[in-house]
Amino acid sequence: MQLADLEKARKINAGLTAEQLQAKKKWNSEIALAAINGVGKGISKADLAKADAVGREALLAQPVAETMAAGMTVENFGTDVTKMSDEELAGRNLSSPELRKASAHE
């Protein structure tokens, strides 16, 4: 999240009653649990076979851009992240408006 988003959330939370805040925390916990339970559900038998054949170390040595290319598309970020180096990706907020504006001019 950006700092402005955090500040906006703090202001909203400051205006909530104790009951509303408790309900919001419960809802966020339920969403987080659903997300965690969904992690790994999209792994195919082919993915597992590749992991077994190649080995964990080889998969960990794979470049970040290559890993991202396997599971993400240009539409996710508005720019082709697969063409960016690991150094370009490091520490970059891929959802920032600045990145989207820059990619529109490429």
C-alpha atoms as a PDB file:
ATOM      1  CA  MET A   1       0.000   0.000   0.000  1.00  0.00           C
ATOM      2  CA  GLN A   2       1.056   3.521  -0.576  1.00  0.00           C
ATOM      3  CA  LEU A   3       1.380   5.946   2.341  1.00  0.00           C
ATOM      4  CA  ALA A   4      -1.686   7.868   1.177  1.00  0.00           C
ATOM      5  CA  ASP A   5      -3.704   4.639   1.210  1.00  0.00           C
ATOM      6  CA  LEU A   6      -2.537   3.882   4.739  1.00  0.00           C
ATOM      7  CA  GLU A   7      -3.482   7.351   5.930  1.00  0.00           C
ATOM      8  CA  LYS A   8      -6.902   7.042   4.278  1.00  0.00           C
ATOM      9  CA  ALA A   9      -7.466   3.685   6.012  1.00  0.00           C
ATOM     10  CA  ARG A  10      -6.436   5.175   9.373  1.00  0.00           C
ATOM     11  CA  LYS A  11      -8.947   8.020   8.962  1.00  0.00           C
ATOM     12  CA  ILE A  12     -11.723   5.601   8.043  1.00  0.00           C
ATOM     13  CA  ASN A  13     -10.910   3.316  10.985  1.00  0.00           C
ATOM     14  CA  ALA A  14     -10.810   6.279  13.375  1.00  0.00           C
ATOM     15  CA  GLY A  15     -14.450   6.989  12.524  1.00  0.00           C
ATOM     16  CA  LEU A  16     -15.662   3.461  13.232  1.00  0.00           C
ATOM     17  CA  THR A  17     -17.326   2.340  16.416  1.00  0.00           C
ATOM     18  CA  ALA A  18     -15.757  -0.471  18.449  1.00  0.00           C
ATOM     19  CA  GLU A  19     -18.381  -2.895  17.080  1.00  0.00           C
ATOM     20  CA  GLN A  20     -17.764  -1.815  13.480  1.00  0.00           C
ATOM     21  CA  LEU A  21     -14.003  -2.115  13.927  1.00  0.00           C
ATOM     22  CA  GLN A  22     -14.402  -5.600  15.418  1.00  0.00           C
ATOM     23  CA  ALA A  23     -16.652  -6.648  12.504  1.00  0.00           C
ATOM     24  CA  LYS A  24     -14.123  -5.262  10.014  1.00  0.00           C
ATOM     25  CA  LYS A  25     -11.267  -7.172  11.679  1.00  0.00           C
ATOM     26  CA  LYS A  26     -13.330 -10.362  11.622  1.00  0.00           C
ATOM     27  CA  TRP A  27     -14.157  -9.862   7.927  1.00  0.00           C
ATOM     28  CA  ASN A  28     -10.487  -9.207   7.079  1.00  0.00           C
ATOM     29  CA  SER A  29      -9.492 -12.366   8.971  1.00  0.00           C
ATOM     30  CA  GLU A  30     -12.051 -14.421   7.059  1.00  0.00           C
ATOM     31  CA  ILE A  31     -10.822 -13.024   3.724  1.00  0.00           C
ATOM     32  CA  ALA A  32      -7.196 -13.734   4.653  1.00  0.00           C
ATOM     33  CA  LEU A  33      -8.065 -17.298   5.651  1.00  0.00           C
ATOM     34  CA  ALA A  34      -9.914 -17.862   2.373  1.00  0.00           C
ATOM     35  CA  ALA A  35      -6.912 -16.542   0.442  1.00  0.00           C
ATOM     36  CA  ILE A  36      -4.492 -18.758   2.348  1.00  0.00           C
ATOM     37  CA  ASN A  37      -6.702 -21.794   1.810  1.00  0.00           C
ATOM     38  CA  GLY A  38      -6.751 -21.031  -1.915  1.00  0.00           C
ATOM     39  CA  VAL A  39      -2.960 -20.842  -2.261  1.00  0.00           C
ATOM     40  CA  GLY A  40      -1.588 -23.754  -4.211  1.00  0.00           C
ATOM     41  CA  LYS A  41      -4.933 -24.908  -5.546  1.00  0.00           C
ATOM     42  CA  GLY A  42      -3.892 -23.991  -9.104  1.00  0.00           C
ATOM     43  CA  ILE A  43      -0.838 -26.243  -9.094  1.00  0.00           C
ATOM     44  CA  SER A  44      -1.200 -28.882 -11.799  1.00  0.00           C
ATOM     45  CA  LYS A  45       0.254 -32.362 -11.905  1.00  0.00           C
ATOM     46  CA  ALA A  46       2.565 -31.091 -14.663  1.00  0.00           C
ATOM     47  CA  ASP A  47       3.837 -28.347 -12.306  1.00  0.00           C
ATOM     48  CA  LEU A  48       4.533 -30.914  -9.601  1.00  0.00           C
ATOM     49  CA  ALA A  49       6.264 -33.221 -12.081  1.00  0.00           C
ATOM     50  CA  LYS A  50       8.456 -30.330 -13.276  1.00  0.00           C
ATOM     51  CA  ALA A  51       9.381 -29.453  -9.690  1.00  0.00           C
ATOM     52  CA  ASP A  52      10.294 -33.077  -9.007  1.00  0.00           C
ATOM     53  CA  ALA A  53      12.305 -33.382 -12.228  1.00  0.00           C
ATOM     54  CA  VAL A  54      14.139 -30.061 -12.057  1.00  0.00           C
ATOM     55  CA  GLY A  55      14.597 -29.860  -8.303  1.00  0.00           C
ATOM     56  CA  ARG A  56      13.992 -27.081  -5.821  1.00  0.00           C
ATOM     57  CA  GLU A  57      17.412 -25.433  -6.187  1.00  0.00           C
ATOM     58  CA  ALA A  58      17.022 -25.124  -9.962  1.00  0.00           C
ATOM     59  CA  LEU A  59      13.594 -23.535  -9.542  1.00  0.00           C
ATOM     60  CA  LEU A  60      14.940 -21.096  -6.955  1.00  0.00           C
ATOM     61  CA  ALA A  61      17.798 -20.187  -9.317  1.00  0.00           C
ATOM     62  CA  GLN A  62      15.333 -19.289 -12.084  1.00  0.00           C
ATOM     63  CA  PRO A  63      15.300 -15.512 -12.827  1.00  0.00           C
ATOM     64  CA  VAL A  64      12.447 -13.562 -11.263  1.00  0.00           C
ATOM     65  CA  ALA A  65      11.247 -12.266 -14.631  1.00  0.00           C
ATOM     66  CA  GLU A  66      11.040 -15.825 -15.977  1.00  0.00           C
ATOM     67  CA  THR A  67       9.093 -16.973 -12.938  1.00  0.00           C
ATOM     68  CA  MET A  68       6.704 -14.045 -13.278  1.00  0.00           C
ATOM     69  CA  ALA A  69       6.274 -14.672 -17.003  1.00  0.00           C
ATOM     70  CA  ALA A  70       5.039 -18.173 -16.244  1.00  0.00           C
ATOM     71  CA  GLY A  71       2.195 -16.921 -14.078  1.00  0.00           C
ATOM     72  CA  MET A  72       1.408 -13.345 -15.011  1.00  0.00           C
ATOM     73  CA  THR A  73       0.504 -11.370 -18.080  1.00  0.00           C
ATOM     74  CA  VAL A  74       1.228  -7.872 -19.310  1.00  0.00           C
ATOM     75  CA  GLU A  75      -2.371  -6.934 -18.500  1.00  0.00           C
ATOM     76  CA  ASN A  76      -1.721  -7.373 -14.770  1.00  0.00           C
ATOM     77  CA  PHE A  77       0.677  -4.449 -14.678  1.00  0.00           C
ATOM     78  CA  GLY A  78       0.148  -2.446 -17.863  1.00  0.00           C
ATOM     79  CA  THR A  79       3.774  -3.078 -18.793  1.00  0.00           C
ATOM     80  CA  ASP A  80       5.658  -6.184 -19.869  1.00  0.00           C
ATOM     81  CA  VAL A  81       7.389  -7.114 -16.632  1.00  0.00           C
ATOM     82  CA  THR A  82       8.950 -10.120 -18.331  1.00  0.00           C
ATOM     83  CA  LYS A  83      11.295  -7.781 -20.209  1.00  0.00           C
ATOM     84  CA  MET A  84      12.522  -6.111 -17.025  1.00  0.00           C
ATOM     85  CA  SER A  85      15.675  -7.302 -15.282  1.00  0.00           C
ATOM     86  CA  ASP A  86      15.733  -8.487 -11.684  1.00  0.00           C
ATOM     87  CA  GLU A  87      17.376  -5.183 -10.746  1.00  0.00           C
ATOM     88  CA  GLU A  88      14.593  -3.171 -12.429  1.00  0.00           C
ATOM     89  CA  LEU A  89      11.952  -5.175 -10.586  1.00  0.00           C
ATOM     90  CA  ALA A  90      13.607  -4.969  -7.184  1.00  0.00           C
ATOM     91  CA  GLY A  91      11.769  -2.647  -4.833  1.00  0.00           C
ATOM     92  CA  ARG A  92       9.412  -1.385  -7.538  1.00  0.00           C
ATOM     93  CA  ASN A  93       5.714  -0.961  -6.880  1.00  0.00           C
ATOM     94  CA  LEU A  94       4.260  -2.530 -10.023  1.00  0.00           C
ATOM     95  CA  SER A  95       0.819  -1.105  -9.344  1.00  0.00           C
ATOM     96  CA  SER A  96       1.966   2.499  -9.112  1.00  0.00           C
ATOM     97  CA  PRO A  97       0.368   5.031 -11.461  1.00  0.00           C
ATOM     98  CA  GLU A  98       3.848   6.241 -12.441  1.00  0.00           C
ATOM     99  CA  LEU A  99       4.766   2.810 -13.838  1.00  0.00           C
ATOM    100  CA  ARG A 100       1.507   2.606 -15.751  1.00  0.00           C
ATOM    101  CA  LYS A 101       2.061   6.085 -17.238  1.00  0.00           C
ATOM    102  CA  ALA A 102       5.627   5.186 -18.217  1.00  0.00           C
ATOM    103  CA  SER A 103       4.513   1.965 -19.885  1.00  0.00           C
ATOM    104  CA  ALA A 104       1.868   3.834 -21.899  1.00  0.00           C
ATOM    105  CA  HIS A 105       4.610   5.907 -23.538  1.00  0.00           C
ATOM    106  CA  GLU A 106       6.857   2.948 -24.429  1.00  0.00           C
END
